[in-house]
Amino acid sequence: MKVIVFTIPVGVGNSFHLQEDRLPYFYPHLHRHNEIQITWVINGEGTLIIGNTMTPFTSGDLFVIGANQPHWFKNDPNYFIPTSPRKIHSVNIFFNPTGFVSHLLSLPEMLSIKKFVGQTELGLQASKRDSEKLAEHFLKIKNSTAGFRLAYFIELLQIMANLKKWKYLSAASFERAITDSEGLRMNDIYRYTMDHFTDVITLEQIASVAHLTPQSFCRYFKKHTTKTYVNFLNEVRINEACKRFIENNFDNIGNIAYQCGFNNVVSFNRVFKSIMGKTPKEFIEIYHKEN
């Protein structure tokens, strides 16, 4: 039986590690590592689970994931069809904030970068416009070597530190200090939910996935995510609805409600507004107006 590791070691032989991935799909498990991760998604769509929250991702997006922050780039189901032509393409930068970079951050000229590195604990997403600018600097790093690569890396950090429109992804109250065994259990819970959110998931079903009683599961999940499982399940469903609205992949709002696991449109509209702060119709109008 294959053992899934929750804390993934990243081989860093230099001040930072650059990794380019061209694969059928992203690593399909919740995991973490000691390094801060900057990911430019050149091609790929799905849901990023990070900390105790989630957000859709699509081609062109750029994210900063904090050190030891549990995360999972969950591709859409059609990426896992054996005959699917879909592939992911990403460029990732990993660096340990307590490693060599910590010596750089101690310099007075690096004060703004040091503050930015501290902000990565919650996870960050760049705006579409800023992502395009940062992608150019990714290419400069990728196509350079030795001292020039390090210089361009510092330049990238400085530009990121100067940006004003970062979107914070995870809640400050999220408990980051979880053991590897707890991380594996959360991976099982998340995977089952992401695979079955269109169905009725009873408390007994999801508790059995975690090998807990329903009462113990409720306490366990609330402790590690600061939210109830029902709230998390609703967020998964609303996140899927948002992806379809963004992709313009729907006939009408009612069909989306049923396809995302809701029994009726009234309930869908109520939950959507409580999570997104606006109705589905308002969300669609605002998104397409801004993009």
C-alpha atoms as a PDB file:
ATOM      1  CA  MET A   1       0.000   0.000   0.000  1.00  0.00           C
ATOM      2  CA  LYS A   2       1.349   3.416  -0.919  1.00  0.00           C
ATOM      3  CA  VAL A   3       1.902   5.700   2.056  1.00  0.00           C
ATOM      4  CA  ILE A   4       0.799   9.284   1.428  1.00  0.00           C
ATOM      5  CA  VAL A   5       3.098  11.792   3.114  1.00  0.00           C
ATOM      6  CA  PHE A   6       1.470  14.912   4.532  1.00  0.00           C
ATOM      7  CA  THR A   7       4.629  16.979   5.076  1.00  0.00           C
ATOM      8  CA  ILE A   8       6.368  16.914   1.694  1.00  0.00           C
ATOM      9  CA  PRO A   9      10.150  17.519   1.642  1.00  0.00           C
ATOM     10  CA  VAL A  10      11.252  19.995  -1.020  1.00  0.00           C
ATOM     11  CA  GLY A  11      14.773  19.477  -2.308  1.00  0.00           C
ATOM     12  CA  VAL A  12      16.416  22.876  -2.138  1.00  0.00           C
ATOM     13  CA  GLY A  13      20.057  22.889  -3.151  1.00  0.00           C
ATOM     14  CA  ASN A  14      20.265  26.650  -3.614  1.00  0.00           C
ATOM     15  CA  SER A  15      18.896  29.767  -1.916  1.00  0.00           C
ATOM     16  CA  PHE A  16      15.553  28.887  -3.471  1.00  0.00           C
ATOM     17  CA  HIS A  17      14.182  26.130  -5.666  1.00  0.00           C
ATOM     18  CA  LEU A  18      12.414  26.647  -9.004  1.00  0.00           C
ATOM     19  CA  GLN A  19      10.254  23.813 -10.280  1.00  0.00           C
ATOM     20  CA  GLU A  20       8.308  23.658 -13.549  1.00  0.00           C
ATOM     21  CA  ASP A  21       5.514  21.081 -13.760  1.00  0.00           C
ATOM     22  CA  ARG A  22       3.856  19.768 -16.907  1.00  0.00           C
ATOM     23  CA  LEU A  23       1.594  16.954 -15.679  1.00  0.00           C
ATOM     24  CA  PRO A  24      -1.880  15.445 -16.160  1.00  0.00           C
ATOM     25  CA  TYR A  25      -2.950  17.099 -12.879  1.00  0.00           C
ATOM     26  CA  PHE A  26      -1.591  18.700  -9.709  1.00  0.00           C
ATOM     27  CA  TYR A  27      -0.454  16.591  -6.735  1.00  0.00           C
ATOM     28  CA  PRO A  28      -3.810  15.085  -5.659  1.00  0.00           C
ATOM     29  CA  HIS A  29      -3.530  15.285  -1.854  1.00  0.00           C
ATOM     30  CA  LEU A  30      -3.646  17.827   0.919  1.00  0.00           C
ATOM     31  CA  HIS A  31      -0.051  18.477   2.003  1.00  0.00           C
ATOM     32  CA  ARG A  32       2.379  21.018   3.417  1.00  0.00           C
ATOM     33  CA  HIS A  33       6.123  21.783   3.478  1.00  0.00           C
ATOM     34  CA  ASN A  34       8.544  24.008   5.353  1.00  0.00           C
ATOM     35  CA  GLU A  35       9.004  26.336   2.392  1.00  0.00           C
ATOM     36  CA  ILE A  36       6.939  29.288   1.223  1.00  0.00           C
ATOM     37  CA  GLN A  37       5.569  28.435  -2.217  1.00  0.00           C
ATOM     38  CA  ILE A  38       4.903  30.903  -5.034  1.00  0.00           C
ATOM     39  CA  THR A  39       2.890  29.252  -7.815  1.00  0.00           C
ATOM     40  CA  TRP A  40       2.113  30.649 -11.240  1.00  0.00           C
ATOM     41  CA  VAL A  41      -0.611  28.522 -12.836  1.00  0.00           C
ATOM     42  CA  ILE A  42       0.135  28.787 -16.545  1.00  0.00           C
ATOM     43  CA  ASN A  43      -2.515  26.239 -17.448  1.00  0.00           C
ATOM     44  CA  GLY A  44      -5.041  24.469 -15.227  1.00  0.00           C
ATOM     45  CA  GLU A  45      -8.408  24.857 -13.516  1.00  0.00           C
ATOM     46  CA  GLY A  46      -9.879  23.683 -10.249  1.00  0.00           C
ATOM     47  CA  THR A  47     -10.129  24.552  -6.569  1.00  0.00           C
ATOM     48  CA  LEU A  48      -7.321  25.579  -4.253  1.00  0.00           C
ATOM     49  CA  ILE A  49      -7.890  24.389  -0.695  1.00  0.00           C
ATOM     50  CA  ILE A  50      -5.625  26.376   1.579  1.00  0.00           C
ATOM     51  CA  GLY A  51      -5.754  26.457   5.354  1.00  0.00           C
ATOM     52  CA  ASN A  52      -9.424  26.443   6.269  1.00  0.00           C
ATOM     53  CA  THR A  53     -10.794  27.963   3.088  1.00  0.00           C
ATOM     54  CA  MET A  54     -10.928  27.433  -0.670  1.00  0.00           C
ATOM     55  CA  THR A  55     -10.955  29.457  -3.849  1.00  0.00           C
ATOM     56  CA  PRO A  56     -11.286  28.658  -7.568  1.00  0.00           C
ATOM     57  CA  PHE A  57      -8.112  28.785  -9.632  1.00  0.00           C
ATOM     58  CA  THR A  58      -7.721  29.056 -13.367  1.00  0.00           C
ATOM     59  CA  SER A  59      -5.007  29.617 -15.956  1.00  0.00           C
ATOM     60  CA  GLY A  60      -2.974  32.737 -15.272  1.00  0.00           C
ATOM     61  CA  ASP A  61      -3.554  32.841 -11.506  1.00  0.00           C
ATOM     62  CA  LEU A  62      -0.708  33.404  -9.084  1.00  0.00           C
ATOM     63  CA  PHE A  63      -0.666  32.329  -5.418  1.00  0.00           C
ATOM     64  CA  VAL A  64       1.664  32.592  -2.444  1.00  0.00           C
ATOM     65  CA  ILE A  65       1.310  29.749   0.074  1.00  0.00           C
ATOM     66  CA  GLY A  66       2.777  30.195   3.538  1.00  0.00           C
ATOM     67  CA  ALA A  67       5.336  27.876   5.116  1.00  0.00           C
ATOM     68  CA  ASN A  68       3.713  24.740   6.604  1.00  0.00           C
ATOM     69  CA  GLN A  69       0.300  25.853   5.352  1.00  0.00           C
ATOM     70  CA  PRO A  70      -1.817  22.821   4.328  1.00  0.00           C
ATOM     71  CA  HIS A  71      -2.918  23.178   0.710  1.00  0.00           C
ATOM     72  CA  TRP A  72      -4.168  21.233  -2.278  1.00  0.00           C
ATOM     73  CA  PHE A  73      -4.590  22.339  -5.905  1.00  0.00           C
ATOM     74  CA  LYS A  74      -7.598  20.131  -6.662  1.00  0.00           C
ATOM     75  CA  ASN A  75      -8.120  19.869 -10.410  1.00  0.00           C
ATOM     76  CA  ASP A  76     -11.592  19.583 -11.918  1.00  0.00           C
ATOM     77  CA  PRO A  77     -12.810  15.967 -12.426  1.00  0.00           C
ATOM     78  CA  ASN A  78     -12.271  16.007 -16.198  1.00  0.00           C
ATOM     79  CA  TYR A  79      -8.487  16.087 -15.623  1.00  0.00           C
ATOM     80  CA  PHE A  80      -8.645  12.575 -14.173  1.00  0.00           C
ATOM     81  CA  ILE A  81     -10.380  10.935 -17.149  1.00  0.00           C
ATOM     82  CA  PRO A  82      -7.776   8.550 -18.676  1.00  0.00           C
ATOM     83  CA  THR A  83      -8.383   9.831 -22.211  1.00  0.00           C
ATOM     84  CA  SER A  84      -8.489  13.511 -21.212  1.00  0.00           C
ATOM     85  CA  PRO A  85      -6.206  15.772 -23.259  1.00  0.00           C
ATOM     86  CA  ARG A  86      -6.077  18.281 -20.387  1.00  0.00           C
ATOM     87  CA  LYS A  87      -2.730  18.973 -18.742  1.00  0.00           C
ATOM     88  CA  ILE A  88      -1.495  21.327 -16.065  1.00  0.00           C
ATOM     89  CA  HIS A  89       1.490  23.614 -16.463  1.00  0.00           C
ATOM     90  CA  SER A  90       2.898  25.620 -13.574  1.00  0.00           C
ATOM     91  CA  VAL A  91       6.091  27.259 -12.404  1.00  0.00           C
ATOM     92  CA  ASN A  92       6.755  27.155  -8.664  1.00  0.00           C
ATOM     93  CA  ILE A  93       9.308  28.857  -6.455  1.00  0.00           C
ATOM     94  CA  PHE A  94      10.061  27.388  -3.016  1.00  0.00           C
ATOM     95  CA  PHE A  95      12.141  29.090  -0.340  1.00  0.00           C
ATOM     96  CA  ASN A  96      12.542  28.493   3.367  1.00  0.00           C
ATOM     97  CA  PRO A  97      12.037  31.754   5.314  1.00  0.00           C
ATOM     98  CA  THR A  98      14.248  30.397   8.114  1.00  0.00           C
ATOM     99  CA  GLY A  99      17.009  29.281   5.748  1.00  0.00           C
ATOM    100  CA  PHE A 100      19.424  31.329   3.669  1.00  0.00           C
ATOM    101  CA  VAL A 101      16.758  33.916   2.858  1.00  0.00           C
ATOM    102  CA  SER A 102      16.567  34.808   6.567  1.00  0.00           C
ATOM    103  CA  HIS A 103      20.081  36.291   6.275  1.00  0.00           C
ATOM    104  CA  LEU A 104      18.932  38.490   3.405  1.00  0.00           C
ATOM    105  CA  LEU A 105      15.854  39.589   5.341  1.00  0.00           C
ATOM    106  CA  SER A 106      18.069  40.843   8.169  1.00  0.00           C
ATOM    107  CA  LEU A 107      19.478  43.565   5.903  1.00  0.00           C
ATOM    108  CA  PRO A 108      17.929  47.051   6.361  1.00  0.00           C
ATOM    109  CA  GLU A 109      17.196  47.317   2.623  1.00  0.00           C
ATOM    110  CA  MET A 110      14.978  44.218   2.887  1.00  0.00           C
ATOM    111  CA  LEU A 111      12.528  45.587   5.460  1.00  0.00           C
ATOM    112  CA  SER A 112       9.518  45.747   3.109  1.00  0.00           C
ATOM    113  CA  ILE A 113      10.262  42.240   1.803  1.00  0.00           C
ATOM    114  CA  LYS A 114      10.540  40.962   5.384  1.00  0.00           C
ATOM    115  CA  LYS A 115       7.095  42.378   6.160  1.00  0.00           C
ATOM    116  CA  PHE A 116       5.691  40.777   3.011  1.00  0.00           C
ATOM    117  CA  VAL A 117       7.136  37.372   3.916  1.00  0.00           C
ATOM    118  CA  GLY A 118       5.365  37.661   7.273  1.00  0.00           C
ATOM    119  CA  GLN A 119       2.064  38.276   5.473  1.00  0.00           C
ATOM    120  CA  THR A 120       2.308  35.006   3.535  1.00  0.00           C
ATOM    121  CA  GLU A 121       1.192  33.003   6.584  1.00  0.00           C
ATOM    122  CA  LEU A 122      -2.453  33.321   5.521  1.00  0.00           C
ATOM    123  CA  GLY A 123      -1.864  32.618   1.830  1.00  0.00           C
ATOM    124  CA  LEU A 124      -2.177  35.280  -0.861  1.00  0.00           C
ATOM    125  CA  GLN A 125      -3.609  35.585  -4.363  1.00  0.00           C
ATOM    126  CA  ALA A 126      -2.581  38.275  -6.839  1.00  0.00           C
ATOM    127  CA  SER A 127      -5.103  40.090  -9.000  1.00  0.00           C
ATOM    128  CA  LYS A 128      -5.318  39.108 -12.660  1.00  0.00           C
ATOM    129  CA  ARG A 129      -3.516  42.273 -13.715  1.00  0.00           C
ATOM    130  CA  ASP A 130      -0.735  41.829 -11.156  1.00  0.00           C
ATOM    131  CA  SER A 131      -0.422  38.137 -12.041  1.00  0.00           C
ATOM    132  CA  GLU A 132       0.437  39.089 -15.606  1.00  0.00           C
ATOM    133  CA  LYS A 133       3.170  41.448 -14.403  1.00  0.00           C
ATOM    134  CA  LEU A 134       4.619  38.907 -11.983  1.00  0.00           C
ATOM    135  CA  ALA A 135       4.604  36.200 -14.672  1.00  0.00           C
ATOM    136  CA  GLU A 136       7.163  38.219 -16.629  1.00  0.00           C
ATOM    137  CA  HIS A 137       9.519  38.116 -13.645  1.00  0.00           C
ATOM    138  CA  PHE A 138       8.970  34.380 -13.244  1.00  0.00           C
ATOM    139  CA  LEU A 139      10.245  33.957 -16.787  1.00  0.00           C
ATOM    140  CA  LYS A 140      13.321  36.089 -16.048  1.00  0.00           C
ATOM    141  CA  ILE A 141      14.161  33.819 -13.096  1.00  0.00           C
ATOM    142  CA  LYS A 142      13.428  30.658 -15.067  1.00  0.00           C
ATOM    143  CA  ASN A 143      15.651  31.689 -17.966  1.00  0.00           C
ATOM    144  CA  SER A 144      18.592  32.858 -15.836  1.00  0.00           C
ATOM    145  CA  THR A 145      21.338  31.110 -13.877  1.00  0.00           C
ATOM    146  CA  ALA A 146      23.618  31.624 -10.884  1.00  0.00           C
ATOM    147  CA  GLY A 147      23.865  35.188  -9.551  1.00  0.00           C
ATOM    148  CA  PHE A 148      21.407  36.620 -12.076  1.00  0.00           C
ATOM    149  CA  ARG A 149      18.751  34.114 -10.983  1.00  0.00           C
ATOM    150  CA  LEU A 150      19.173  35.142  -7.335  1.00  0.00           C
ATOM    151  CA  ALA A 151      19.077  38.831  -8.254  1.00  0.00           C
ATOM    152  CA  TYR A 152      15.848  38.365 -10.213  1.00  0.00           C
ATOM    153  CA  PHE A 153      14.382  36.388  -7.297  1.00  0.00           C
ATOM    154  CA  ILE A 154      15.047  39.293  -4.923  1.00  0.00           C
ATOM    155  CA  GLU A 155      13.572  41.647  -7.522  1.00  0.00           C
ATOM    156  CA  LEU A 156      10.429  39.480  -7.663  1.00  0.00           C
ATOM    157  CA  LEU A 157      10.057  39.594  -3.867  1.00  0.00           C
ATOM    158  CA  GLN A 158      10.452  43.384  -3.863  1.00  0.00           C
ATOM    159  CA  ILE A 159       7.806  43.816  -6.562  1.00  0.00           C
ATOM    160  CA  MET A 160       5.445  41.511  -4.682  1.00  0.00           C
ATOM    161  CA  ALA A 161       6.068  43.468  -1.470  1.00  0.00           C
ATOM    162  CA  ASN A 162       5.085  46.688  -3.250  1.00  0.00           C
ATOM    163  CA  LEU A 163       1.748  45.355  -4.531  1.00  0.00           C
ATOM    164  CA  LYS A 164      -1.340  46.692  -2.740  1.00  0.00           C
ATOM    165  CA  LYS A 165      -4.125  44.389  -3.988  1.00  0.00           C
ATOM    166  CA  TRP A 166      -3.293  41.003  -2.514  1.00  0.00           C
ATOM    167  CA  LYS A 167      -6.260  38.841  -1.575  1.00  0.00           C
ATOM    168  CA  TYR A 168      -5.834  37.047   1.761  1.00  0.00           C
ATOM    169  CA  LEU A 169      -7.012  33.450   1.494  1.00  0.00           C
ATOM    170  CA  SER A 170      -7.097  31.787   4.926  1.00  0.00           C
ATOM    171  CA  ALA A 171      -8.481  32.957   8.263  1.00  0.00           C
ATOM    172  CA  ALA A 172      -6.090  34.166  10.945  1.00  0.00           C
ATOM    173  CA  SER A 173      -7.784  31.864  13.475  1.00  0.00           C
ATOM    174  CA  PHE A 174      -6.902  28.707  11.523  1.00  0.00           C
ATOM    175  CA  GLU A 175      -4.879  26.222  13.564  1.00  0.00           C
ATOM    176  CA  ARG A 176      -1.692  25.611  11.588  1.00  0.00           C
ATOM    177  CA  ALA A 177       0.124  23.423  14.142  1.00  0.00           C
ATOM    178  CA  ILE A 178      -1.417  20.061  13.257  1.00  0.00           C
ATOM    179  CA  THR A 179       0.400  16.741  13.291  1.00  0.00           C
ATOM    180  CA  ASP A 180       1.081  14.692  10.183  1.00  0.00           C
ATOM    181  CA  SER A 181      -1.465  12.062  11.274  1.00  0.00           C
ATOM    182  CA  GLU A 182      -4.121  14.743  11.704  1.00  0.00           C
ATOM    183  CA  GLY A 183      -3.180  16.144   8.299  1.00  0.00           C
ATOM    184  CA  LEU A 184      -3.744  12.750   6.708  1.00  0.00           C
ATOM    185  CA  ARG A 185      -7.143  12.496   8.380  1.00  0.00           C
ATOM    186  CA  MET A 186      -8.082  15.969   7.114  1.00  0.00           C
ATOM    187  CA  ASN A 187      -6.918  14.876   3.654  1.00  0.00           C
ATOM    188  CA  ASP A 188      -9.382  11.967   3.755  1.00  0.00           C
ATOM    189  CA  ILE A 189     -12.203  14.260   4.900  1.00  0.00           C
ATOM    190  CA  TYR A 190     -11.483  16.834   2.199  1.00  0.00           C
ATOM    191  CA  ARG A 191     -11.101  14.240  -0.559  1.00  0.00           C
ATOM    192  CA  TYR A 192     -14.384  12.514   0.304  1.00  0.00           C
ATOM    193  CA  THR A 193     -16.198  15.843   0.428  1.00  0.00           C
ATOM    194  CA  MET A 194     -14.763  17.062  -2.877  1.00  0.00           C
ATOM    195  CA  ASP A 195     -15.692  13.762  -4.555  1.00  0.00           C
ATOM    196  CA  HIS A 196     -19.257  13.544  -3.168  1.00  0.00           C
ATOM    197  CA  PHE A 197     -20.441  17.122  -2.577  1.00  0.00           C
ATOM    198  CA  THR A 198     -23.208  16.748  -5.171  1.00  0.00           C
ATOM    199  CA  ASP A 199     -24.721  13.933  -3.066  1.00  0.00           C
ATOM    200  CA  VAL A 200     -26.368  13.970   0.333  1.00  0.00           C
ATOM    201  CA  ILE A 201     -23.533  13.517   2.851  1.00  0.00           C
ATOM    202  CA  THR A 202     -24.766  12.519   6.288  1.00  0.00           C
ATOM    203  CA  LEU A 203     -22.833  13.206   9.462  1.00  0.00           C
ATOM    204  CA  GLU A 204     -22.515   9.468  10.006  1.00  0.00           C
ATOM    205  CA  GLN A 205     -20.943   9.002   6.556  1.00  0.00           C
ATOM    206  CA  ILE A 206     -18.296  11.677   6.897  1.00  0.00           C
ATOM    207  CA  ALA A 207     -17.554  10.677  10.513  1.00  0.00           C
ATOM    208  CA  SER A 208     -16.868   7.117   9.384  1.00  0.00           C
ATOM    209  CA  VAL A 209     -14.356   8.459   6.824  1.00  0.00           C
ATOM    210  CA  ALA A 210     -12.460  10.051   9.717  1.00  0.00           C
ATOM    211  CA  HIS A 211     -12.895   6.920  11.882  1.00  0.00           C
ATOM    212  CA  LEU A 212     -14.682   8.951  14.552  1.00  0.00           C
ATOM    213  CA  THR A 213     -18.113   8.974  16.117  1.00  0.00           C
ATOM    214  CA  PRO A 214     -20.405  11.740  14.814  1.00  0.00           C
ATOM    215  CA  GLN A 215     -20.066  13.697  18.068  1.00  0.00           C
ATOM    216  CA  SER A 216     -16.267  13.372  18.119  1.00  0.00           C
ATOM    217  CA  PHE A 217     -16.080  14.289  14.438  1.00  0.00           C
ATOM    218  CA  CYS A 218     -17.997  17.532  14.979  1.00  0.00           C
ATOM    219  CA  ARG A 219     -15.613  18.583  17.728  1.00  0.00           C
ATOM    220  CA  TYR A 220     -12.564  17.483  15.736  1.00  0.00           C
ATOM    221  CA  PHE A 221     -13.528  19.311  12.547  1.00  0.00           C
ATOM    222  CA  LYS A 222     -14.484  22.515  14.351  1.00  0.00           C
ATOM    223  CA  LYS A 223     -11.197  22.486  16.268  1.00  0.00           C
ATOM    224  CA  HIS A 224      -9.049  22.146  13.149  1.00  0.00           C
ATOM    225  CA  THR A 225     -10.984  24.405  10.771  1.00  0.00           C
ATOM    226  CA  THR A 226     -12.860  26.842  13.066  1.00  0.00           C
ATOM    227  CA  LYS A 227     -16.086  26.015  11.198  1.00  0.00           C
ATOM    228  CA  THR A 228     -18.740  23.305  11.211  1.00  0.00           C
ATOM    229  CA  TYR A 229     -18.700  20.567   8.599  1.00  0.00           C
ATOM    230  CA  VAL A 230     -22.027  21.772   7.199  1.00  0.00           C
ATOM    231  CA  ASN A 231     -20.497  25.215   6.642  1.00  0.00           C
ATOM    232  CA  PHE A 232     -17.494  23.644   4.919  1.00  0.00           C
ATOM    233  CA  LEU A 233     -19.699  21.463   2.705  1.00  0.00           C
ATOM    234  CA  ASN A 234     -21.755  24.506   1.713  1.00  0.00           C
ATOM    235  CA  GLU A 235     -18.556  26.385   0.863  1.00  0.00           C
ATOM    236  CA  VAL A 236     -17.459  23.518  -1.390  1.00  0.00           C
ATOM    237  CA  ARG A 237     -20.810  23.604  -3.188  1.00  0.00           C
ATOM    238  CA  ILE A 238     -20.858  27.390  -3.547  1.00  0.00           C
ATOM    239  CA  ASN A 239     -17.252  27.360  -4.740  1.00  0.00           C
ATOM    240  CA  GLU A 240     -18.239  24.944  -7.512  1.00  0.00           C
ATOM    241  CA  ALA A 241     -21.157  27.193  -8.446  1.00  0.00           C
ATOM    242  CA  CYS A 242     -18.833  30.196  -8.647  1.00  0.00           C
ATOM    243  CA  LYS A 243     -16.459  28.295 -10.953  1.00  0.00           C
ATOM    244  CA  ARG A 244     -19.320  27.524 -13.312  1.00  0.00           C
ATOM    245  CA  PHE A 245     -20.519  31.126 -13.225  1.00  0.00           C
ATOM    246  CA  ILE A 246     -16.986  32.360 -13.965  1.00  0.00           C
ATOM    247  CA  GLU A 247     -16.588  29.896 -16.829  1.00  0.00           C
ATOM    248  CA  ASN A 248     -20.076  30.811 -18.076  1.00  0.00           C
ATOM    249  CA  ASN A 249     -20.738  27.057 -17.961  1.00  0.00           C
ATOM    250  CA  PHE A 250     -24.476  26.970 -17.127  1.00  0.00           C
ATOM    251  CA  ASP A 251     -27.947  27.278 -18.627  1.00  0.00           C
ATOM    252  CA  ASN A 252     -29.647  28.909 -15.670  1.00  0.00           C
ATOM    253  CA  ILE A 253     -29.087  29.475 -11.953  1.00  0.00           C
ATOM    254  CA  GLY A 254     -31.635  26.826 -10.992  1.00  0.00           C
ATOM    255  CA  ASN A 255     -29.748  24.070 -12.779  1.00  0.00           C
ATOM    256  CA  ILE A 256     -26.515  25.108 -11.074  1.00  0.00           C
ATOM    257  CA  ALA A 257     -28.204  24.838  -7.667  1.00  0.00           C
ATOM    258  CA  TYR A 258     -29.237  21.215  -8.258  1.00  0.00           C
ATOM    259  CA  GLN A 259     -25.937  20.255  -9.915  1.00  0.00           C
ATOM    260  CA  CYS A 260     -24.009  21.554  -6.893  1.00  0.00           C
ATOM    261  CA  GLY A 261     -25.943  19.536  -4.326  1.00  0.00           C
ATOM    262  CA  PHE A 262     -28.799  21.833  -3.266  1.00  0.00           C
ATOM    263  CA  ASN A 263     -32.403  20.603  -3.091  1.00  0.00           C
ATOM    264  CA  ASN A 264     -33.984  23.887  -4.152  1.00  0.00           C
ATOM    265  CA  VAL A 265     -33.111  27.287  -5.558  1.00  0.00           C
ATOM    266  CA  VAL A 266     -34.317  29.206  -2.492  1.00  0.00           C
ATOM    267  CA  SER A 267     -31.847  27.389  -0.245  1.00  0.00           C
ATOM    268  CA  PHE A 268     -29.077  27.846  -2.813  1.00  0.00           C
ATOM    269  CA  ASN A 269     -29.664  31.603  -3.066  1.00  0.00           C
ATOM    270  CA  ARG A 270     -29.729  31.981   0.721  1.00  0.00           C
ATOM    271  CA  VAL A 271     -26.497  30.031   1.279  1.00  0.00           C
ATOM    272  CA  PHE A 272     -24.782  31.709  -1.690  1.00  0.00           C
ATOM    273  CA  LYS A 273     -25.489  35.186  -0.314  1.00  0.00           C
ATOM    274  CA  SER A 274     -24.400  34.238   3.218  1.00  0.00           C
ATOM    275  CA  ILE A 275     -21.016  33.030   1.900  1.00  0.00           C
ATOM    276  CA  MET A 276     -20.351  35.403  -0.998  1.00  0.00           C
ATOM    277  CA  GLY A 277     -22.103  38.499   0.342  1.00  0.00           C
ATOM    278  CA  LYS A 278     -24.179  38.860  -2.826  1.00  0.00           C
ATOM    279  CA  THR A 279     -26.814  36.926  -4.747  1.00  0.00           C
ATOM    280  CA  PRO A 280     -25.832  34.610  -7.628  1.00  0.00           C
ATOM    281  CA  LYS A 281     -27.198  37.108 -10.133  1.00  0.00           C
ATOM    282  CA  GLU A 282     -25.217  39.963  -8.584  1.00  0.00           C
ATOM    283  CA  PHE A 283     -22.072  37.799  -8.532  1.00  0.00           C
ATOM    284  CA  ILE A 284     -22.402  37.004 -12.241  1.00  0.00           C
ATOM    285  CA  GLU A 285     -23.039  40.633 -13.203  1.00  0.00           C
ATOM    286  CA  ILE A 286     -20.155  42.007 -11.121  1.00  0.00           C
ATOM    287  CA  TYR A 287     -17.651  39.376 -12.264  1.00  0.00           C
ATOM    288  CA  HIS A 288     -18.322  39.807 -15.980  1.00  0.00           C
ATOM    289  CA  LYS A 289     -18.354  43.577 -15.637  1.00  0.00           C
ATOM    290  CA  GLU A 290     -14.930  43.555 -13.934  1.00  0.00           C
ATOM    291  CA  ASN A 291     -13.460  41.007 -16.360  1.00  0.00           C
END
